[in-house]
C-alpha cells in the first residue's frame, strides 16, 4: 500500500445492528462496540464531506479523524491526525498507519452516509485509544456541497460520549 491513504470503493452493503445513536443539528452518529472495534455510521445533511474525530488534546490537535465523501457512487475516506489546533493531515504523512476499514457509503438526496470500523487500540501513535467504559470526546463535523478534503466545515460540535452505554453529554 502506498504512503497516501485514500480508499475508493463502491457501496459494500455491510449490515450492522448498531446499539447507540445521537443526533445533533442534522448530523447523526450511530455506533456499536464489537470484536475490539468501533463500528460507526455517520449521516449528515450535506452532499460534501462528513467526519468524526476522537479525543483531541486541544481543539483539533491530537484527535484521530476519519473523514470522507461520496462522489458518483464512489466513497473516498481518509484516516487523519489533528496536527494543530485547527488542522489535520493524513496519518501516513507523519509516519502513522491506516487503521480504518471502509464498509460503505452513499449520497442520497441531500445527505451523505459513511459506515466504517476502526480498532479500539490500533497501536498507531497517531490514533487515540478508545476506552469503551470511559468518557470519549467525539468531534462531529460536515462540510458544504463540495466533495473535497480542503473545504472547511459547515457544522461542527464536540460531545462527551460513553461508547459502551451510549450516554452523551
N, C-alpha and C. Protein backbone atom coordinates (compact mmCIF):
# COMPACT_ATOMS: atom_id res chain seq x y z
N UNK A 1 0.85 -1.18 0.00
CA UNK A 1 0.00 0.00 0.00
C UNK A 1 0.89 1.23 0.00
N UNK A 2 0.49 2.25 -0.69
CA UNK A 2 1.28 3.47 -0.76
C UNK A 2 1.19 4.23 0.56
N UNK A 3 2.03 5.24 0.70
CA UNK A 3 2.03 6.03 1.93
C UNK A 3 0.84 6.99 1.98
N UNK A 4 0.12 7.17 0.90
CA UNK A 4 -1.05 8.03 0.86
C UNK A 4 -2.29 7.16 1.00
N UNK A 5 -3.06 7.37 2.06
CA UNK A 5 -4.23 6.54 2.33
C UNK A 5 -5.47 7.20 1.75
N UNK A 6 -5.97 6.64 0.69
CA UNK A 6 -7.18 7.14 0.07
C UNK A 6 -7.88 5.93 -0.54
N UNK A 7 -8.99 5.56 0.03
CA UNK A 7 -9.72 4.41 -0.48
C UNK A 7 -10.88 4.88 -1.33
N UNK A 8 -11.13 4.17 -2.39
CA UNK A 8 -12.26 4.47 -3.24
C UNK A 8 -12.96 3.16 -3.56
N UNK A 9 -14.18 3.01 -3.08
CA UNK A 9 -14.94 1.78 -3.26
C UNK A 9 -16.37 2.11 -3.64
N UNK A 10 -17.02 1.15 -4.23
CA UNK A 10 -18.46 1.25 -4.41
C UNK A 10 -19.11 0.84 -3.11
N UNK A 11 -20.38 1.04 -2.99
CA UNK A 11 -21.09 0.67 -1.78
C UNK A 11 -20.92 -0.81 -1.51
N UNK A 12 -20.63 -1.13 -0.26
CA UNK A 12 -20.35 -2.51 0.11
C UNK A 12 -21.58 -3.25 0.64
N UNK A 13 -22.55 -2.52 1.15
CA UNK A 13 -23.77 -3.15 1.63
C UNK A 13 -23.60 -4.00 2.88
N UNK A 14 -22.71 -3.61 3.76
CA UNK A 14 -22.46 -4.33 5.01
C UNK A 14 -23.53 -3.94 6.01
N UNK A 15 -24.13 -4.90 6.69
CA UNK A 15 -25.20 -4.62 7.63
C UNK A 15 -24.72 -4.81 9.07
N UNK A 16 -24.87 -3.77 9.87
CA UNK A 16 -24.53 -3.81 11.29
C UNK A 16 -25.77 -3.41 12.06
N UNK A 17 -26.02 -4.11 13.14
CA UNK A 17 -27.09 -3.70 14.04
C UNK A 17 -26.45 -2.82 15.09
N UNK A 18 -26.61 -1.52 14.94
CA UNK A 18 -25.99 -0.56 15.85
C UNK A 18 -26.75 -0.53 17.17
N UNK A 19 -26.04 -0.14 18.23
CA UNK A 19 -26.64 -0.13 19.56
C UNK A 19 -26.96 1.27 20.08
N UNK A 20 -26.22 2.27 19.62
CA UNK A 20 -26.37 3.62 20.17
C UNK A 20 -26.42 4.65 19.05
N UNK A 21 -27.08 5.77 19.35
CA UNK A 21 -27.13 6.85 18.37
C UNK A 21 -27.36 8.18 19.05
N UNK A 22 -26.87 9.22 18.39
CA UNK A 22 -27.16 10.58 18.82
C UNK A 22 -27.25 11.44 17.56
N UNK A 23 -28.06 12.48 17.64
CA UNK A 23 -28.26 13.38 16.50
C UNK A 23 -28.11 14.81 16.99
N UNK A 24 -27.32 15.59 16.25
CA UNK A 24 -27.11 16.99 16.58
C UNK A 24 -27.19 17.80 15.30
N UNK A 25 -28.15 18.71 15.23
CA UNK A 25 -28.31 19.64 14.11
C UNK A 25 -28.08 19.03 12.73
N UNK A 26 -28.79 17.98 12.44
CA UNK A 26 -28.73 17.41 11.10
C UNK A 26 -27.60 16.42 10.89
N UNK A 27 -26.88 16.06 11.95
CA UNK A 27 -25.83 15.06 11.82
C UNK A 27 -26.09 13.95 12.83
N UNK A 28 -26.01 12.73 12.33
CA UNK A 28 -26.28 11.56 13.17
C UNK A 28 -25.02 10.71 13.31
N UNK A 29 -24.70 10.33 14.55
CA UNK A 29 -23.60 9.43 14.88
C UNK A 29 -24.22 8.20 15.51
N UNK A 30 -24.04 7.05 14.85
CA UNK A 30 -24.59 5.78 15.29
C UNK A 30 -23.42 4.82 15.46
N UNK A 31 -23.40 3.98 16.53
CA UNK A 31 -22.23 3.14 16.75
C UNK A 31 -22.53 1.88 17.53
N UNK A 32 -21.54 1.00 17.48
CA UNK A 32 -21.58 -0.26 18.21
C UNK A 32 -20.14 -0.69 18.48
N UNK A 33 -19.90 -1.22 19.67
CA UNK A 33 -18.60 -1.80 20.02
C UNK A 33 -18.73 -3.31 19.83
N UNK A 34 -17.82 -3.91 19.07
CA UNK A 34 -17.82 -5.36 18.87
C UNK A 34 -16.43 -5.81 18.41
N UNK A 35 -15.98 -6.92 18.94
CA UNK A 35 -14.71 -7.53 18.49
C UNK A 35 -13.55 -6.54 18.53
N UNK A 36 -13.39 -5.81 19.63
CA UNK A 36 -12.29 -4.85 19.81
C UNK A 36 -12.29 -3.75 18.74
N UNK A 37 -13.46 -3.48 18.17
CA UNK A 37 -13.59 -2.43 17.16
C UNK A 37 -14.79 -1.55 17.45
N UNK A 38 -14.73 -0.34 16.94
CA UNK A 38 -15.85 0.58 16.97
C UNK A 38 -16.42 0.62 15.55
N UNK A 39 -17.69 0.26 15.41
CA UNK A 39 -18.38 0.29 14.13
C UNK A 39 -19.22 1.57 14.11
N UNK A 40 -19.06 2.38 13.08
CA UNK A 40 -19.65 3.72 13.04
C UNK A 40 -20.47 3.92 11.78
N UNK A 41 -21.57 4.63 11.96
CA UNK A 41 -22.36 5.12 10.83
C UNK A 41 -22.56 6.62 11.06
N UNK A 42 -22.11 7.42 10.10
CA UNK A 42 -22.27 8.87 10.14
C UNK A 42 -23.19 9.31 9.01
N UNK A 43 -24.16 10.14 9.32
CA UNK A 43 -25.03 10.70 8.30
C UNK A 43 -25.18 12.18 8.57
N UNK A 44 -25.09 12.99 7.51
CA UNK A 44 -25.27 14.43 7.66
C UNK A 44 -26.01 14.98 6.46
N UNK A 45 -26.74 16.06 6.69
CA UNK A 45 -27.45 16.75 5.62
C UNK A 45 -26.47 17.59 4.82
N UNK A 46 -25.70 16.90 3.98
CA UNK A 46 -24.73 17.55 3.11
C UNK A 46 -24.44 16.64 1.93
N UNK A 47 -24.03 17.22 0.83
CA UNK A 47 -23.53 16.43 -0.29
C UNK A 47 -22.01 16.52 -0.36
N UNK A 48 -21.41 17.09 0.69
CA UNK A 48 -19.96 17.19 0.80
C UNK A 48 -19.41 16.15 1.76
N UNK A 49 -18.33 16.48 2.43
CA UNK A 49 -17.66 15.54 3.32
C UNK A 49 -18.34 15.44 4.68
N UNK A 50 -18.11 14.30 5.34
CA UNK A 50 -18.61 14.02 6.68
C UNK A 50 -17.42 13.51 7.48
N UNK A 51 -17.30 13.93 8.75
CA UNK A 51 -16.16 13.50 9.53
C UNK A 51 -16.43 13.36 11.01
N UNK A 52 -15.56 12.59 11.65
CA UNK A 52 -15.62 12.37 13.09
C UNK A 52 -14.20 12.35 13.63
N UNK A 53 -14.02 12.87 14.84
CA UNK A 53 -12.73 12.86 15.50
C UNK A 53 -12.88 12.34 16.91
N UNK A 54 -11.80 11.78 17.43
CA UNK A 54 -11.83 11.20 18.77
C UNK A 54 -10.69 11.74 19.62
N UNK A 55 -11.02 12.16 20.82
CA UNK A 55 -10.09 12.52 21.88
C UNK A 55 -9.02 13.55 21.52
N UNK A 56 -9.43 14.76 21.15
CA UNK A 56 -8.44 15.80 20.91
C UNK A 56 -7.79 16.23 22.23
N UNK A 57 -6.60 16.78 22.12
CA UNK A 57 -5.91 17.32 23.29
C UNK A 57 -6.32 18.78 23.48
N UNK A 58 -6.37 19.52 22.37
CA UNK A 58 -6.78 20.92 22.37
C UNK A 58 -7.41 21.24 21.03
N UNK A 59 -8.68 21.65 21.03
CA UNK A 59 -9.44 21.88 19.80
C UNK A 59 -9.34 20.64 18.90
N UNK A 60 -8.63 20.71 17.75
CA UNK A 60 -8.48 19.56 16.85
C UNK A 60 -7.18 18.79 17.11
N UNK A 61 -6.25 19.42 17.78
CA UNK A 61 -4.92 18.83 17.98
C UNK A 61 -4.99 17.50 18.74
N UNK A 62 -4.29 16.52 18.19
CA UNK A 62 -4.20 15.21 18.83
C UNK A 62 -5.35 14.26 18.55
N UNK A 63 -6.38 14.72 17.86
CA UNK A 63 -7.55 13.87 17.59
C UNK A 63 -7.27 12.90 16.44
N UNK A 64 -7.90 11.75 16.51
CA UNK A 64 -7.90 10.78 15.41
C UNK A 64 -9.16 11.09 14.59
N UNK A 65 -8.98 11.49 13.33
CA UNK A 65 -10.10 11.86 12.47
C UNK A 65 -10.32 10.83 11.38
N UNK A 66 -11.58 10.55 11.10
CA UNK A 66 -11.99 9.78 9.93
C UNK A 66 -12.90 10.72 9.14
N UNK A 67 -12.54 10.96 7.89
CA UNK A 67 -13.27 11.93 7.08
C UNK A 67 -13.44 11.37 5.67
N UNK A 68 -14.63 11.56 5.09
CA UNK A 68 -14.85 11.02 3.76
C UNK A 68 -16.02 11.67 3.05
N UNK A 69 -16.15 11.32 1.78
CA UNK A 69 -17.26 11.83 0.96
C UNK A 69 -17.59 10.78 -0.10
N UNK A 70 -18.72 11.00 -0.77
CA UNK A 70 -19.18 10.11 -1.83
C UNK A 70 -19.33 10.95 -3.09
N UNK A 71 -18.70 10.48 -4.18
CA UNK A 71 -18.82 11.18 -5.46
C UNK A 71 -19.11 10.14 -6.54
N UNK A 72 -20.22 10.32 -7.24
CA UNK A 72 -20.65 9.40 -8.31
C UNK A 72 -20.66 7.95 -7.83
N UNK A 73 -21.16 7.72 -6.62
CA UNK A 73 -21.28 6.37 -6.09
C UNK A 73 -20.02 5.78 -5.50
N UNK A 74 -18.91 6.50 -5.54
CA UNK A 74 -17.63 6.03 -5.01
C UNK A 74 -17.34 6.75 -3.70
N UNK A 75 -16.89 5.99 -2.70
CA UNK A 75 -16.55 6.55 -1.39
C UNK A 75 -15.05 6.81 -1.33
N UNK A 76 -14.68 7.98 -0.85
CA UNK A 76 -13.29 8.32 -0.60
C UNK A 76 -13.17 8.63 0.89
N UNK A 77 -12.24 7.96 1.56
CA UNK A 77 -12.14 8.05 3.01
C UNK A 77 -10.68 8.21 3.41
N UNK A 78 -10.42 9.03 4.44
CA UNK A 78 -9.07 9.23 4.95
C UNK A 78 -9.02 9.03 6.46
N UNK A 79 -7.88 8.56 6.94
CA UNK A 79 -7.57 8.42 8.35
C UNK A 79 -6.57 9.54 8.66
N UNK A 80 -6.99 10.55 9.42
CA UNK A 80 -6.18 11.73 9.68
C UNK A 80 -5.84 11.88 11.17
N UNK A 81 -4.92 12.80 11.43
CA UNK A 81 -4.46 13.12 12.77
C UNK A 81 -4.49 14.63 12.93
N UNK A 82 -5.00 15.11 14.07
CA UNK A 82 -5.01 16.55 14.34
C UNK A 82 -3.61 17.04 14.64
N UNK A 83 -2.96 17.63 13.65
CA UNK A 83 -1.57 18.07 13.81
C UNK A 83 -1.46 19.50 14.34
N UNK A 84 -2.58 20.17 14.50
CA UNK A 84 -2.60 21.52 15.06
C UNK A 84 -3.97 21.79 15.67
N UNK A 85 -4.13 22.93 16.32
CA UNK A 85 -5.41 23.22 16.95
C UNK A 85 -6.53 23.45 15.94
N UNK A 86 -6.15 23.76 14.69
CA UNK A 86 -7.16 23.98 13.64
C UNK A 86 -6.80 23.26 12.35
N UNK A 87 -6.06 22.16 12.44
CA UNK A 87 -5.67 21.46 11.22
C UNK A 87 -5.49 19.96 11.47
N UNK A 88 -5.55 19.23 10.38
CA UNK A 88 -5.32 17.78 10.43
C UNK A 88 -4.70 17.36 9.11
N UNK A 89 -4.01 16.22 9.15
CA UNK A 89 -3.43 15.67 7.93
C UNK A 89 -3.44 14.15 8.04
N UNK A 90 -3.16 13.50 6.92
CA UNK A 90 -3.19 12.03 6.89
C UNK A 90 -2.16 11.45 7.85
N UNK A 91 -2.56 10.40 8.57
CA UNK A 91 -1.65 9.70 9.49
C UNK A 91 -0.36 9.30 8.79
N UNK A 92 -0.48 8.78 7.58
CA UNK A 92 0.69 8.23 6.89
C UNK A 92 1.72 9.29 6.53
N UNK A 93 1.31 10.55 6.42
CA UNK A 93 2.27 11.61 6.12
C UNK A 93 3.15 11.95 7.32
N UNK A 94 2.76 11.44 8.50
CA UNK A 94 3.54 11.65 9.71
C UNK A 94 4.20 10.36 10.19
N UNK A 95 4.08 9.29 9.40
CA UNK A 95 4.66 8.01 9.79
C UNK A 95 3.69 7.08 10.47
N UNK A 96 2.42 7.44 10.51
CA UNK A 96 1.40 6.60 11.11
C UNK A 96 0.90 5.54 10.14
N UNK A 97 -0.13 4.82 10.55
CA UNK A 97 -0.69 3.75 9.74
C UNK A 97 -2.16 4.01 9.44
N UNK A 98 -2.66 3.31 8.43
CA UNK A 98 -4.06 3.39 8.04
C UNK A 98 -4.83 2.32 8.80
N UNK A 99 -5.72 2.74 9.68
CA UNK A 99 -6.35 1.78 10.58
C UNK A 99 -7.86 1.72 10.48
N UNK A 100 -8.43 2.33 9.48
CA UNK A 100 -9.88 2.31 9.32
C UNK A 100 -10.23 1.37 8.18
N UNK A 101 -11.31 0.65 8.38
CA UNK A 101 -11.83 -0.24 7.34
C UNK A 101 -13.09 0.38 6.79
N UNK A 102 -13.09 0.66 5.52
CA UNK A 102 -14.26 1.25 4.88
C UNK A 102 -15.29 0.16 4.64
N UNK A 103 -16.49 0.43 5.04
CA UNK A 103 -17.55 -0.55 4.88
C UNK A 103 -18.50 -0.13 3.77
N UNK A 104 -19.03 1.07 3.84
CA UNK A 104 -19.93 1.52 2.77
C UNK A 104 -20.17 3.01 2.88
N UNK A 105 -20.82 3.54 1.87
CA UNK A 105 -21.19 4.94 1.87
C UNK A 105 -22.16 5.22 0.75
N UNK A 106 -22.96 6.24 0.95
CA UNK A 106 -23.89 6.64 -0.11
C UNK A 106 -24.26 8.10 0.04
N UNK A 107 -24.61 8.68 -1.08
CA UNK A 107 -25.16 10.02 -1.11
C UNK A 107 -26.56 9.88 -1.66
N UNK A 108 -27.53 10.25 -0.84
CA UNK A 108 -28.92 10.08 -1.23
C UNK A 108 -29.64 11.39 -0.94
N UNK A 109 -30.22 11.96 -1.98
CA UNK A 109 -30.86 13.25 -1.81
C UNK A 109 -29.83 14.28 -1.40
N UNK A 110 -30.06 14.91 -0.29
CA UNK A 110 -29.11 15.92 0.21
C UNK A 110 -28.31 15.41 1.40
N UNK A 111 -28.21 14.10 1.58
CA UNK A 111 -27.49 13.54 2.72
C UNK A 111 -26.37 12.60 2.28
N UNK A 112 -25.32 12.58 3.08
CA UNK A 112 -24.20 11.68 2.87
C UNK A 112 -24.08 10.76 4.09
N UNK A 113 -23.89 9.47 3.83
CA UNK A 113 -23.72 8.47 4.88
C UNK A 113 -22.43 7.70 4.64
N UNK A 114 -21.67 7.51 5.70
CA UNK A 114 -20.46 6.69 5.68
C UNK A 114 -20.58 5.65 6.78
N UNK A 115 -20.15 4.42 6.51
CA UNK A 115 -20.07 3.38 7.52
C UNK A 115 -18.68 2.78 7.48
N UNK A 116 -18.07 2.61 8.67
CA UNK A 116 -16.71 2.09 8.74
C UNK A 116 -16.45 1.53 10.13
N UNK A 117 -15.33 0.86 10.27
CA UNK A 117 -14.89 0.31 11.55
C UNK A 117 -13.46 0.74 11.80
N UNK A 118 -13.12 0.90 13.07
CA UNK A 118 -11.75 1.15 13.45
C UNK A 118 -11.46 0.45 14.76
N UNK A 119 -10.21 0.01 14.95
CA UNK A 119 -9.87 -0.70 16.18
C UNK A 119 -9.92 0.23 17.39
N UNK A 120 -10.29 -0.32 18.54
CA UNK A 120 -10.29 0.46 19.76
C UNK A 120 -8.87 0.88 20.13
N UNK A 121 -7.90 0.02 19.83
CA UNK A 121 -6.49 0.32 20.07
C UNK A 121 -5.70 -0.17 18.86
N UNK A 122 -5.40 0.75 17.95
CA UNK A 122 -4.71 0.39 16.71
C UNK A 122 -3.21 0.20 16.90
N UNK A 123 -2.67 0.74 17.99
CA UNK A 123 -1.23 0.71 18.18
C UNK A 123 -0.52 1.83 17.44
N UNK A 124 -1.24 2.63 16.67
CA UNK A 124 -0.68 3.76 15.93
C UNK A 124 -0.56 4.95 16.89
N UNK A 125 0.61 5.56 16.94
CA UNK A 125 0.80 6.71 17.83
C UNK A 125 -0.08 7.90 17.44
N UNK A 126 -0.63 7.90 16.22
CA UNK A 126 -1.49 8.99 15.77
C UNK A 126 -2.98 8.69 15.96
N UNK A 127 -3.29 7.57 16.59
CA UNK A 127 -4.67 7.24 16.92
C UNK A 127 -4.80 7.15 18.43
N UNK A 128 -5.84 7.75 18.98
CA UNK A 128 -6.07 7.63 20.41
C UNK A 128 -6.67 6.25 20.71
N UNK A 129 -6.40 5.75 21.90
CA UNK A 129 -7.02 4.51 22.34
C UNK A 129 -8.44 4.86 22.78
N UNK A 130 -9.40 4.11 22.27
CA UNK A 130 -10.80 4.33 22.63
C UNK A 130 -11.16 3.40 23.79
N UNK A 131 -11.52 3.99 24.90
CA UNK A 131 -11.90 3.24 26.11
C UNK A 131 -13.42 3.18 26.16
N UNK A 132 -14.03 2.03 25.85
CA UNK A 132 -15.49 1.95 25.80
C UNK A 132 -16.19 2.37 27.09
N UNK A 133 -15.62 2.04 28.24
CA UNK A 133 -16.28 2.34 29.52
C UNK A 133 -16.05 3.77 29.99
N UNK A 134 -15.05 4.43 29.47
CA UNK A 134 -14.73 5.78 29.91
C UNK A 134 -15.39 6.83 29.04
N UNK A 135 -14.99 8.07 29.28
CA UNK A 135 -15.52 9.19 28.52
C UNK A 135 -14.64 9.43 27.30
N UNK A 136 -15.26 9.49 26.14
CA UNK A 136 -14.58 9.77 24.89
C UNK A 136 -15.08 11.11 24.36
N UNK A 137 -14.17 12.00 24.03
CA UNK A 137 -14.57 13.26 23.40
C UNK A 137 -14.69 12.97 21.91
N UNK A 138 -15.87 13.24 21.37
CA UNK A 138 -16.17 12.98 19.96
C UNK A 138 -16.43 14.31 19.27
N UNK A 139 -15.69 14.56 18.19
CA UNK A 139 -15.90 15.74 17.36
C UNK A 139 -16.67 15.31 16.12
N UNK A 140 -17.78 15.95 15.84
CA UNK A 140 -18.57 15.69 14.64
C UNK A 140 -18.54 16.93 13.76
N UNK A 141 -18.42 16.72 12.46
CA UNK A 141 -18.40 17.86 11.54
C UNK A 141 -18.81 17.41 10.14
N UNK A 142 -19.28 18.38 9.36
CA UNK A 142 -19.50 18.13 7.94
C UNK A 142 -19.27 19.42 7.16
N UNK A 143 -18.95 19.23 5.90
CA UNK A 143 -18.68 20.35 5.02
C UNK A 143 -19.89 20.71 4.19
N UNK A 144 -19.72 21.67 3.31
CA UNK A 144 -20.80 22.10 2.42
C UNK A 144 -21.00 21.12 1.28
N UNK A 145 -21.29 21.62 0.11
CA UNK A 145 -21.62 20.77 -1.03
C UNK A 145 -20.41 20.21 -1.75
N UNK A 146 -19.22 20.63 -1.41
CA UNK A 146 -18.01 20.27 -2.14
C UNK A 146 -17.42 18.94 -1.68
N UNK A 147 -17.17 18.03 -2.61
CA UNK A 147 -16.52 16.76 -2.32
C UNK A 147 -15.01 16.96 -2.35
N UNK A 148 -14.47 17.44 -1.26
CA UNK A 148 -13.04 17.73 -1.16
C UNK A 148 -12.66 17.77 0.31
N UNK A 149 -11.43 17.37 0.60
CA UNK A 149 -10.94 17.44 1.97
C UNK A 149 -10.44 18.83 2.32
N UNK A 150 -10.42 19.74 1.36
CA UNK A 150 -9.91 21.09 1.58
C UNK A 150 -10.99 22.05 2.09
N UNK A 151 -12.26 21.69 1.94
CA UNK A 151 -13.33 22.58 2.36
C UNK A 151 -13.49 22.63 3.87
N UNK A 152 -13.74 23.82 4.37
CA UNK A 152 -13.96 24.00 5.82
C UNK A 152 -15.32 23.42 6.21
N UNK A 153 -15.48 23.23 7.50
CA UNK A 153 -16.74 22.67 7.98
C UNK A 153 -17.86 23.71 7.94
N UNK A 154 -19.03 23.20 7.63
CA UNK A 154 -20.26 23.99 7.67
C UNK A 154 -20.87 23.86 9.06
N UNK A 155 -20.62 22.71 9.68
CA UNK A 155 -21.11 22.42 11.03
C UNK A 155 -20.03 21.65 11.78
N UNK A 156 -19.92 21.91 13.08
CA UNK A 156 -19.02 21.15 13.95
C UNK A 156 -19.55 21.20 15.37
N UNK A 157 -19.26 20.15 16.12
CA UNK A 157 -19.64 20.12 17.52
C UNK A 157 -18.73 19.15 18.26
N UNK A 158 -18.76 19.23 19.56
CA UNK A 158 -17.98 18.35 20.42
C UNK A 158 -18.92 17.73 21.45
N UNK A 159 -18.81 16.42 21.63
CA UNK A 159 -19.65 15.69 22.59
C UNK A 159 -18.78 14.85 23.50
N UNK A 160 -19.28 14.58 24.70
CA UNK A 160 -18.64 13.60 25.59
C UNK A 160 -19.53 12.36 25.55
N UNK A 161 -18.92 11.24 25.17
CA UNK A 161 -19.70 10.02 24.92
C UNK A 161 -19.11 8.84 25.69
N UNK A 162 -19.98 8.06 26.31
CA UNK A 162 -19.57 6.76 26.81
C UNK A 162 -19.94 5.77 25.72
N UNK A 163 -18.94 5.24 25.03
CA UNK A 163 -19.18 4.39 23.87
C UNK A 163 -19.88 3.08 24.24
N UNK A 164 -19.71 2.65 25.47
CA UNK A 164 -20.32 1.39 25.91
C UNK A 164 -21.80 1.54 26.26
N UNK A 165 -22.14 2.58 27.03
CA UNK A 165 -23.51 2.76 27.49
C UNK A 165 -24.34 3.60 26.54
N UNK A 166 -23.69 4.43 25.72
CA UNK A 166 -24.41 5.33 24.83
C UNK A 166 -24.74 6.67 25.43
N UNK A 167 -24.33 6.90 26.69
CA UNK A 167 -24.62 8.19 27.34
C UNK A 167 -23.84 9.30 26.61
N UNK A 168 -24.57 10.40 26.30
CA UNK A 168 -23.99 11.53 25.57
C UNK A 168 -24.23 12.80 26.38
N UNK A 169 -23.16 13.60 26.52
CA UNK A 169 -23.27 14.90 27.19
C UNK A 169 -22.88 16.00 26.23
